[in-house]
Amino acid sequence: MKIVVPASNGKLCSHFGKCDYFAFVDVDLEKKEIKNMEEKIPDGGVSCQCTNWLANNGANIVLAGGMGLRPQSVLEQNGVDVVCGCPEIDVRELVQNYLDGSLELTENSCNHDEHHNCHGEHHHCHH
């Protein structure tokens, strides 16, 4: 199973489309452990529109701080689960907390200003 985390400097980046790279973390769900982690950047660069790229690169789950409705919808249409409201902590710690069931979520940190692609007030991130 691949868990993807939008990241910068080894930590979750609170805004999905503004991260430096995506951490693709291979996990063993039965053993609840991280097997491998790889940093990837789409050819066209990081943006809210790289959701199909994530799905095509094997993402099963995206752990995000904030994400607009459009990228959430595209990911979910591609069979990728989305978990929003994740804290800005070390990627490995975040994934391990998710695997252990100890991940504490807050509100979707996607702020609704005119400079990014979030639309609508009601986010449907789930765990």
N, C-alpha and C. Protein backbone atom coordinates (compact mmCIF):
# COMPACT_ATOMS: atom_id res chain seq x y z
N MET A 1 0.84 -1.17 0.00
CA MET A 1 0.00 0.00 0.00
C MET A 1 0.88 1.23 0.00
N LYS A 2 0.50 2.24 -0.80
CA LYS A 2 1.26 3.49 -0.86
C LYS A 2 0.46 4.62 -0.25
N ILE A 3 1.07 5.26 0.74
CA ILE A 3 0.52 6.46 1.35
C ILE A 3 1.34 7.63 0.83
N VAL A 4 0.66 8.67 0.36
CA VAL A 4 1.34 9.84 -0.18
C VAL A 4 1.11 11.03 0.74
N VAL A 5 2.20 11.77 1.00
CA VAL A 5 2.15 12.95 1.85
C VAL A 5 2.75 14.12 1.09
N PRO A 6 2.00 15.23 0.90
CA PRO A 6 2.61 16.43 0.33
C PRO A 6 3.58 16.99 1.37
N ALA A 7 4.85 17.17 0.99
CA ALA A 7 5.86 17.49 2.00
C ALA A 7 6.80 18.61 1.56
N SER A 8 7.41 19.22 2.57
CA SER A 8 8.49 20.19 2.42
C SER A 8 9.40 20.02 3.63
N ASN A 9 10.69 19.96 3.38
CA ASN A 9 11.68 19.84 4.47
C ASN A 9 11.40 18.66 5.41
N GLY A 10 10.94 17.55 4.86
CA GLY A 10 10.73 16.35 5.66
C GLY A 10 9.45 16.30 6.46
N LYS A 11 8.65 17.37 6.37
CA LYS A 11 7.39 17.42 7.13
C LYS A 11 6.22 17.60 6.17
N LEU A 12 5.02 17.25 6.66
CA LEU A 12 3.82 17.49 5.89
C LEU A 12 3.71 18.98 5.60
N CYS A 13 3.40 19.32 4.37
CA CYS A 13 3.13 20.71 3.98
C CYS A 13 1.63 20.93 4.10
N SER A 14 1.23 21.93 4.85
CA SER A 14 -0.19 22.10 5.16
C SER A 14 -1.05 22.41 3.94
N HIS A 15 -0.47 22.91 2.86
CA HIS A 15 -1.24 23.19 1.65
C HIS A 15 -0.83 22.22 0.55
N PHE A 16 -1.73 21.35 0.18
CA PHE A 16 -1.49 20.28 -0.79
C PHE A 16 -0.76 20.76 -2.04
N GLY A 17 -1.21 21.84 -2.65
CA GLY A 17 -0.65 22.30 -3.93
C GLY A 17 0.59 23.15 -3.81
N LYS A 18 1.08 23.38 -2.61
CA LYS A 18 2.25 24.25 -2.40
C LYS A 18 3.46 23.51 -1.83
N CYS A 19 3.40 22.18 -1.80
CA CYS A 19 4.52 21.41 -1.24
C CYS A 19 5.71 21.41 -2.20
N ASP A 20 6.88 21.00 -1.68
CA ASP A 20 8.08 20.90 -2.51
C ASP A 20 8.14 19.58 -3.28
N TYR A 21 7.54 18.54 -2.70
CA TYR A 21 7.54 17.21 -3.31
C TYR A 21 6.46 16.36 -2.64
N PHE A 22 6.24 15.19 -3.20
CA PHE A 22 5.32 14.22 -2.59
C PHE A 22 6.14 13.05 -2.07
N ALA A 23 5.93 12.71 -0.81
CA ALA A 23 6.58 11.54 -0.23
C ALA A 23 5.68 10.34 -0.47
N PHE A 24 6.16 9.37 -1.23
CA PHE A 24 5.45 8.12 -1.48
C PHE A 24 5.99 7.10 -0.48
N VAL A 25 5.15 6.68 0.44
CA VAL A 25 5.58 5.81 1.53
C VAL A 25 4.93 4.44 1.36
N ASP A 26 5.78 3.43 1.12
CA ASP A 26 5.28 2.05 1.03
C ASP A 26 5.14 1.52 2.46
N VAL A 27 3.96 0.98 2.76
CA VAL A 27 3.72 0.49 4.12
C VAL A 27 3.20 -0.94 4.09
N ASP A 28 3.43 -1.64 5.18
CA ASP A 28 2.87 -2.96 5.41
C ASP A 28 1.76 -2.77 6.43
N LEU A 29 0.51 -2.87 5.99
CA LEU A 29 -0.63 -2.61 6.87
C LEU A 29 -0.74 -3.64 7.99
N GLU A 30 -0.44 -4.89 7.70
CA GLU A 30 -0.55 -5.94 8.72
C GLU A 30 0.46 -5.72 9.84
N LYS A 31 1.70 -5.40 9.47
CA LYS A 31 2.74 -5.20 10.47
C LYS A 31 2.74 -3.76 11.00
N LYS A 32 1.97 -2.89 10.36
CA LYS A 32 1.90 -1.47 10.73
C LYS A 32 3.29 -0.83 10.73
N GLU A 33 4.00 -1.05 9.60
CA GLU A 33 5.35 -0.48 9.51
C GLU A 33 5.63 0.10 8.14
N ILE A 34 6.56 1.04 8.12
CA ILE A 34 7.00 1.69 6.88
C ILE A 34 8.08 0.83 6.26
N LYS A 35 7.91 0.49 4.97
CA LYS A 35 8.90 -0.33 4.27
C LYS A 35 9.90 0.52 3.49
N ASN A 36 9.41 1.61 2.88
CA ASN A 36 10.26 2.42 2.01
C ASN A 36 9.62 3.80 1.83
N MET A 37 10.44 4.81 1.58
CA MET A 37 9.92 6.14 1.28
C MET A 37 10.71 6.76 0.14
N GLU A 38 9.99 7.37 -0.80
CA GLU A 38 10.61 7.98 -1.96
C GLU A 38 10.00 9.36 -2.20
N GLU A 39 10.83 10.34 -2.50
CA GLU A 39 10.36 11.69 -2.82
C GLU A 39 10.19 11.80 -4.33
N LYS A 40 9.01 12.27 -4.75
CA LYS A 40 8.74 12.40 -6.19
C LYS A 40 8.15 13.78 -6.47
N ILE A 41 8.49 14.30 -7.66
CA ILE A 41 7.95 15.57 -8.14
C ILE A 41 7.39 15.34 -9.54
N PRO A 42 6.14 15.75 -9.81
CA PRO A 42 5.59 15.58 -11.16
C PRO A 42 6.42 16.37 -12.18
N ASP A 43 6.46 15.89 -13.42
CA ASP A 43 7.21 16.57 -14.48
C ASP A 43 6.81 18.03 -14.63
N GLY A 44 5.54 18.32 -14.50
CA GLY A 44 5.05 19.70 -14.64
C GLY A 44 5.15 20.52 -13.37
N GLY A 45 5.73 19.96 -12.32
CA GLY A 45 5.84 20.65 -11.04
C GLY A 45 4.63 20.36 -10.16
N VAL A 46 4.73 20.77 -8.93
CA VAL A 46 3.67 20.53 -7.95
C VAL A 46 2.57 21.57 -8.10
N SER A 47 1.33 21.12 -8.09
CA SER A 47 0.17 22.01 -8.09
C SER A 47 -1.04 21.19 -7.63
N CYS A 48 -2.15 21.88 -7.44
CA CYS A 48 -3.38 21.18 -7.06
C CYS A 48 -3.89 20.29 -8.19
N GLN A 49 -3.37 20.47 -9.40
CA GLN A 49 -3.83 19.70 -10.55
C GLN A 49 -3.06 18.40 -10.77
N CYS A 50 -2.17 18.02 -9.87
CA CYS A 50 -1.37 16.80 -10.09
C CYS A 50 -2.03 15.56 -9.48
N THR A 51 -3.31 15.62 -9.24
CA THR A 51 -4.01 14.50 -8.60
C THR A 51 -4.01 13.24 -9.46
N ASN A 52 -4.23 13.37 -10.76
CA ASN A 52 -4.19 12.19 -11.64
C ASN A 52 -2.81 11.56 -11.62
N TRP A 53 -1.77 12.39 -11.58
CA TRP A 53 -0.40 11.89 -11.51
C TRP A 53 -0.20 11.05 -10.25
N LEU A 54 -0.72 11.52 -9.13
CA LEU A 54 -0.61 10.76 -7.88
C LEU A 54 -1.27 9.39 -8.02
N ALA A 55 -2.48 9.38 -8.56
CA ALA A 55 -3.20 8.12 -8.75
C ALA A 55 -2.45 7.20 -9.70
N ASN A 56 -1.93 7.76 -10.80
CA ASN A 56 -1.20 6.96 -11.79
C ASN A 56 0.12 6.43 -11.24
N ASN A 57 0.64 7.04 -10.18
CA ASN A 57 1.89 6.60 -9.57
C ASN A 57 1.65 5.69 -8.37
N GLY A 58 0.43 5.19 -8.23
CA GLY A 58 0.14 4.15 -7.25
C GLY A 58 -0.35 4.60 -5.89
N ALA A 59 -0.72 5.86 -5.74
CA ALA A 59 -1.22 6.32 -4.44
C ALA A 59 -2.51 5.59 -4.07
N ASN A 60 -2.57 5.11 -2.83
CA ASN A 60 -3.80 4.52 -2.29
C ASN A 60 -4.48 5.45 -1.31
N ILE A 61 -3.66 6.21 -0.57
CA ILE A 61 -4.15 7.15 0.44
C ILE A 61 -3.30 8.40 0.36
N VAL A 62 -3.93 9.57 0.50
CA VAL A 62 -3.20 10.83 0.63
C VAL A 62 -3.50 11.39 2.01
N LEU A 63 -2.45 11.65 2.77
CA LEU A 63 -2.58 12.32 4.06
C LEU A 63 -2.23 13.78 3.84
N ALA A 64 -3.18 14.68 4.08
CA ALA A 64 -2.98 16.09 3.77
C ALA A 64 -3.37 16.98 4.94
N GLY A 65 -2.80 18.16 4.96
CA GLY A 65 -3.23 19.17 5.92
C GLY A 65 -4.49 19.82 5.40
N GLY A 66 -4.37 20.44 4.24
CA GLY A 66 -5.51 21.08 3.61
C GLY A 66 -5.56 20.77 2.13
N MET A 67 -6.77 20.64 1.61
CA MET A 67 -6.97 20.33 0.21
C MET A 67 -8.35 20.82 -0.20
N GLY A 68 -8.44 21.44 -1.36
CA GLY A 68 -9.71 21.91 -1.88
C GLY A 68 -10.58 20.76 -2.36
N LEU A 69 -11.83 21.08 -2.60
CA LEU A 69 -12.80 20.05 -3.01
C LEU A 69 -12.47 19.42 -4.37
N ARG A 70 -11.97 20.22 -5.31
CA ARG A 70 -11.69 19.67 -6.64
C ARG A 70 -10.61 18.60 -6.59
N PRO A 71 -9.44 18.84 -5.99
CA PRO A 71 -8.45 17.76 -5.93
C PRO A 71 -8.94 16.56 -5.13
N GLN A 72 -9.69 16.81 -4.05
CA GLN A 72 -10.24 15.69 -3.27
C GLN A 72 -11.12 14.82 -4.15
N SER A 73 -11.98 15.47 -4.92
CA SER A 73 -12.93 14.75 -5.77
C SER A 73 -12.21 13.92 -6.82
N VAL A 74 -11.20 14.51 -7.47
CA VAL A 74 -10.46 13.80 -8.51
C VAL A 74 -9.75 12.58 -7.91
N LEU A 75 -9.12 12.76 -6.76
CA LEU A 75 -8.44 11.63 -6.12
C LEU A 75 -9.44 10.53 -5.79
N GLU A 76 -10.55 10.89 -5.17
CA GLU A 76 -11.54 9.88 -4.78
C GLU A 76 -12.14 9.19 -5.99
N GLN A 77 -12.33 9.91 -7.11
CA GLN A 77 -12.82 9.28 -8.34
C GLN A 77 -11.82 8.27 -8.89
N ASN A 78 -10.54 8.46 -8.56
CA ASN A 78 -9.49 7.54 -8.98
C ASN A 78 -9.22 6.45 -7.94
N GLY A 79 -10.08 6.34 -6.93
CA GLY A 79 -9.95 5.30 -5.94
C GLY A 79 -8.93 5.57 -4.85
N VAL A 80 -8.53 6.84 -4.70
CA VAL A 80 -7.55 7.21 -3.68
C VAL A 80 -8.29 7.83 -2.50
N ASP A 81 -8.08 7.27 -1.31
CA ASP A 81 -8.68 7.83 -0.10
C ASP A 81 -7.93 9.08 0.31
N VAL A 82 -8.66 10.07 0.83
CA VAL A 82 -8.07 11.34 1.24
C VAL A 82 -8.35 11.57 2.72
N VAL A 83 -7.31 11.88 3.47
CA VAL A 83 -7.44 12.20 4.89
C VAL A 83 -6.91 13.62 5.08
N CYS A 84 -7.79 14.57 5.40
CA CYS A 84 -7.39 15.96 5.59
C CYS A 84 -7.33 16.30 7.08
N GLY A 85 -6.67 17.42 7.36
CA GLY A 85 -6.56 17.89 8.74
C GLY A 85 -5.38 17.30 9.48
N CYS A 86 -4.42 16.72 8.73
CA CYS A 86 -3.24 16.13 9.35
C CYS A 86 -2.30 17.23 9.85
N PRO A 87 -1.58 16.97 10.93
CA PRO A 87 -0.66 17.96 11.48
C PRO A 87 0.64 18.08 10.68
N GLU A 88 1.28 19.24 10.78
CA GLU A 88 2.56 19.47 10.10
C GLU A 88 3.70 18.88 10.93
N ILE A 89 3.87 17.57 10.80
CA ILE A 89 4.93 16.87 11.53
C ILE A 89 5.76 16.06 10.54
N ASP A 90 6.82 15.45 11.02
CA ASP A 90 7.69 14.61 10.20
C ASP A 90 6.86 13.57 9.44
N VAL A 91 7.19 13.37 8.17
CA VAL A 91 6.44 12.45 7.31
C VAL A 91 6.38 11.05 7.90
N ARG A 92 7.50 10.52 8.34
CA ARG A 92 7.52 9.16 8.90
C ARG A 92 6.65 9.07 10.16
N GLU A 93 6.74 10.08 11.01
CA GLU A 93 5.92 10.10 12.23
C GLU A 93 4.43 10.16 11.88
N LEU A 94 4.10 10.98 10.90
CA LEU A 94 2.71 11.12 10.46
C LEU A 94 2.16 9.79 9.96
N VAL A 95 2.91 9.14 9.08
CA VAL A 95 2.47 7.85 8.52
C VAL A 95 2.38 6.79 9.61
N GLN A 96 3.35 6.76 10.50
CA GLN A 96 3.31 5.78 11.58
C GLN A 96 2.11 6.01 12.49
N ASN A 97 1.81 7.27 12.80
CA ASN A 97 0.63 7.59 13.61
C ASN A 97 -0.64 7.13 12.90
N TYR A 98 -0.69 7.30 11.58
CA TYR A 98 -1.85 6.84 10.81
C TYR A 98 -1.98 5.31 10.93
N LEU A 99 -0.86 4.62 10.74
CA LEU A 99 -0.87 3.15 10.81
C LEU A 99 -1.27 2.65 12.19
N ASP A 100 -0.81 3.35 13.23
CA ASP A 100 -1.10 2.95 14.60
C ASP A 100 -2.51 3.35 15.06
N GLY A 101 -3.18 4.17 14.26
CA GLY A 101 -4.51 4.65 14.66
C GLY A 101 -4.47 5.78 15.66
N SER A 102 -3.30 6.41 15.81
CA SER A 102 -3.17 7.49 16.79
C SER A 102 -3.09 8.88 16.16
N LEU A 103 -3.38 8.97 14.88
CA LEU A 103 -3.31 10.26 14.18
C LEU A 103 -4.45 11.17 14.63
N GLU A 104 -4.09 12.35 15.12
CA GLU A 104 -5.09 13.32 15.56
C GLU A 104 -5.30 14.35 14.46
N LEU A 105 -6.52 14.43 13.97
CA LEU A 105 -6.86 15.33 12.88
C LEU A 105 -7.49 16.61 13.41
N THR A 106 -7.27 17.69 12.64
CA THR A 106 -7.92 18.97 12.92
C THR A 106 -8.76 19.32 11.71
N GLU A 107 -9.15 20.56 11.59
CA GLU A 107 -9.92 20.99 10.42
C GLU A 107 -9.03 20.99 9.19
N ASN A 108 -9.65 20.84 8.03
CA ASN A 108 -8.94 20.98 6.76
C ASN A 108 -8.33 22.37 6.75
N SER A 109 -7.01 22.47 6.63
CA SER A 109 -6.34 23.76 6.72
C SER A 109 -6.38 24.56 5.43
N CYS A 110 -7.15 24.12 4.46
CA CYS A 110 -7.28 24.84 3.20
C CYS A 110 -8.02 26.14 3.47
N ASN A 111 -7.31 27.26 3.34
CA ASN A 111 -7.98 28.54 3.57
C ASN A 111 -8.55 29.04 2.25
N HIS A 112 -9.63 29.73 2.32
CA HIS A 112 -10.37 30.08 1.11
C HIS A 112 -10.11 31.51 0.68
N ASP A 113 -8.86 31.78 0.23
CA ASP A 113 -8.60 33.10 -0.31
C ASP A 113 -8.60 33.03 -1.82
N GLU A 114 -8.50 34.18 -2.47
CA GLU A 114 -8.62 34.19 -3.93
C GLU A 114 -7.38 33.69 -4.63
N HIS A 115 -6.33 33.37 -3.90
CA HIS A 115 -5.08 32.99 -4.54
C HIS A 115 -4.89 31.49 -4.68
N HIS A 116 -5.86 30.69 -4.29
CA HIS A 116 -5.70 29.27 -4.60
C HIS A 116 -7.03 28.63 -4.91
N ASN A 117 -6.95 27.36 -5.24
CA ASN A 117 -8.02 26.65 -5.92
C ASN A 117 -9.03 25.96 -5.03
N CYS A 118 -9.25 26.39 -3.83
CA CYS A 118 -10.23 25.74 -2.98
C CYS A 118 -11.59 26.36 -3.24
N HIS A 119 -12.59 25.53 -3.37
CA HIS A 119 -13.93 26.04 -3.67
C HIS A 119 -14.93 25.41 -2.73
N GLY A 120 -15.74 26.22 -2.10
CA GLY A 120 -16.77 25.71 -1.21
C GLY A 120 -16.29 25.66 0.22
N GLU A 121 -17.20 25.73 1.14
CA GLU A 121 -16.86 25.76 2.55
C GLU A 121 -16.87 24.38 3.19
N HIS A 122 -17.52 23.41 2.59
CA HIS A 122 -17.69 22.11 3.23
C HIS A 122 -16.73 21.10 2.62
N HIS A 123 -15.79 20.64 3.42
CA HIS A 123 -14.83 19.65 2.97
C HIS A 123 -15.26 18.27 3.38
N HIS A 124 -15.01 17.33 2.53
CA HIS A 124 -15.45 15.97 2.78
C HIS A 124 -14.27 15.03 2.94
N CYS A 125 -13.27 15.48 3.65
CA CYS A 125 -12.16 14.59 3.95
C CYS A 125 -12.61 13.60 5.00
N HIS A 126 -12.10 12.42 4.93
CA HIS A 126 -12.53 11.40 5.88
C HIS A 126 -11.37 10.52 6.26
N HIS A 127 -11.60 9.71 7.28
CA HIS A 127 -10.57 8.79 7.76
C HIS A 127 -11.18 7.40 7.92
